[in-house]
Amino acid sequence: MTLLNKFKIWLDFLGFPNKHECLVRKVDIDNIYSDMIVAQSWLLPNDRPDDEITQKIYMTTLPRWNWFLSSMHEGDELWYYRFPNEMWQKLRGSHGYLILRDDNYYRYFEIAKN
């Protein structure tokens, strides 16, 4: 089973009436690392998000992240996703990035889950 199929099954299992409800914002690939700082804004008050350079250095050491970004083709859309708060409260939360190709989920990269 591919990761994409796992993601689709996961969304179905969690019962999202509209699968696009977890898509928060479209992201420009050139600004992905500054977007990650925004994505970390929901951290607890005592936590501090990394700066953009630290974020980029860390993320580019991850082979799966590099594979994820290199799989984008012209016309693909990169989106930041975050499951609704009630899913986090039920310990079923997730957030990260996904690629939409022809308005279908193509690949995703999970930053964190609980």
Protein backbone atom coordinates (compact mmCIF):
# COMPACT_ATOMS: atom_id res chain seq x y z
CA MET A 1 0.00 0.00 0.00
CA THR A 2 1.42 3.36 -1.01
CA LEU A 3 1.76 6.26 1.42
CA LEU A 4 -0.80 8.18 -0.58
CA ASN A 5 -3.36 5.39 -0.26
CA LYS A 6 -2.63 5.22 3.47
CA PHE A 7 -3.32 8.96 3.69
CA LYS A 8 -6.64 8.64 1.82
CA ILE A 9 -7.72 5.69 3.98
CA TRP A 10 -6.67 7.61 7.07
CA LEU A 11 -8.80 10.60 6.06
CA ASP A 12 -11.75 8.29 5.37
CA PHE A 13 -11.25 6.52 8.71
CA LEU A 14 -11.19 9.82 10.58
CA GLY A 15 -14.50 10.72 8.99
CA PHE A 16 -13.76 14.01 7.30
CA PRO A 17 -16.98 14.96 5.51
CA ASN A 18 -14.92 17.07 3.11
CA LYS A 19 -11.39 15.84 2.59
CA HIS A 20 -10.25 19.37 1.70
CA GLU A 21 -11.23 20.71 5.12
CA CYS A 22 -7.77 19.96 6.48
CA LEU A 23 -6.06 21.98 3.73
CA VAL A 24 -5.04 25.21 5.44
CA ARG A 25 -3.17 27.15 2.77
CA LYS A 26 -1.47 26.80 -0.58
CA VAL A 27 2.30 27.21 -0.25
CA ASP A 28 4.82 28.53 -2.75
CA ILE A 29 7.71 26.05 -2.90
CA ASP A 30 10.18 28.95 -2.83
CA ASN A 31 8.80 29.97 0.58
CA ILE A 32 8.37 26.51 2.10
CA TYR A 33 10.87 27.01 4.94
CA SER A 34 9.44 30.36 6.03
CA ASP A 35 5.99 28.74 5.85
CA MET A 36 7.19 26.11 8.32
CA ILE A 37 7.78 28.88 10.86
CA VAL A 38 4.12 29.90 10.45
CA ALA A 39 3.10 26.23 10.71
CA GLN A 40 4.85 25.99 14.08
CA SER A 41 2.95 28.97 15.49
CA TRP A 42 0.49 26.66 17.25
CA LEU A 43 3.25 25.29 19.51
CA LEU A 44 2.89 25.66 23.24
CA PRO A 45 3.74 29.15 24.56
CA ASN A 46 7.10 28.04 25.98
CA ASP A 47 8.20 26.44 22.69
CA ARG A 48 9.94 28.54 20.09
CA PRO A 49 9.86 27.73 16.39
CA ASP A 50 13.17 27.41 14.59
CA ASP A 51 14.35 30.19 12.34
CA GLU A 52 14.12 29.66 8.58
CA ILE A 53 17.80 28.76 8.06
CA THR A 54 17.80 26.19 10.89
CA GLN A 55 14.58 24.72 9.52
CA LYS A 56 16.04 24.39 6.02
CA ILE A 57 19.29 22.83 7.24
CA TYR A 58 17.39 20.24 9.26
CA MET A 59 14.74 19.40 6.66
CA THR A 60 17.20 18.98 3.79
CA THR A 61 19.00 16.25 5.76
CA LEU A 62 15.86 14.09 5.56
CA PRO A 63 15.88 11.85 2.46
CA ARG A 64 12.10 11.51 2.45
CA TRP A 65 11.66 15.31 2.50
CA ASN A 66 14.01 15.70 -0.48
CA TRP A 67 12.18 12.91 -2.33
CA PHE A 68 8.84 14.56 -1.51
CA LEU A 69 9.86 17.96 -2.91
CA SER A 70 11.59 16.48 -5.95
CA SER A 71 8.38 14.65 -6.89
CA MET A 72 6.61 17.93 -7.71
CA HIS A 73 5.84 18.54 -11.38
CA GLU A 74 4.70 21.63 -13.22
CA GLY A 75 1.06 22.28 -12.38
CA ASP A 76 1.21 20.55 -8.99
CA GLU A 77 0.06 22.46 -5.91
CA LEU A 78 1.83 22.35 -2.56
CA TRP A 79 -0.46 22.71 0.47
CA TYR A 80 0.02 22.90 4.21
CA TYR A 81 -2.50 20.65 5.95
CA ARG A 82 -3.53 20.48 9.58
CA PHE A 83 -6.21 18.28 11.03
CA PRO A 84 -8.95 20.11 12.96
CA ASN A 85 -8.45 20.78 16.69
CA GLU A 86 -10.97 18.11 17.71
CA MET A 87 -8.77 15.49 16.04
CA TRP A 88 -5.75 16.65 18.06
CA GLN A 89 -7.83 16.47 21.24
CA LYS A 90 -8.69 12.86 20.36
CA LEU A 91 -4.97 12.12 19.80
CA ARG A 92 -5.55 11.69 16.06
CA GLY A 93 -3.99 14.93 14.87
CA SER A 94 -1.51 15.45 12.07
CA HIS A 95 0.02 18.33 10.17
CA GLY A 96 2.43 18.64 7.28
CA TYR A 97 2.52 19.24 3.56
CA LEU A 98 0.90 17.53 0.63
CA ILE A 99 1.03 17.72 -3.11
CA LEU A 100 -2.18 18.01 -5.10
CA ARG A 101 -1.95 16.86 -8.70
CA ASP A 102 -5.02 17.42 -10.87
CA ASP A 103 -6.97 18.22 -7.66
CA ASN A 104 -6.16 14.77 -6.19
CA TYR A 105 -3.87 13.92 -3.30
CA TYR A 106 -0.55 12.84 -4.77
CA ARG A 107 1.98 12.73 -1.91
CA TYR A 108 2.20 13.98 1.63
CA PHE A 109 4.90 14.64 4.19
CA GLU A 110 3.82 14.50 7.80
CA ILE A 111 5.65 16.93 10.09
CA ALA A 112 4.01 15.79 13.34
CA LYS A 113 1.16 13.70 14.68
CA ASN A 114 -0.18 12.68 18.05
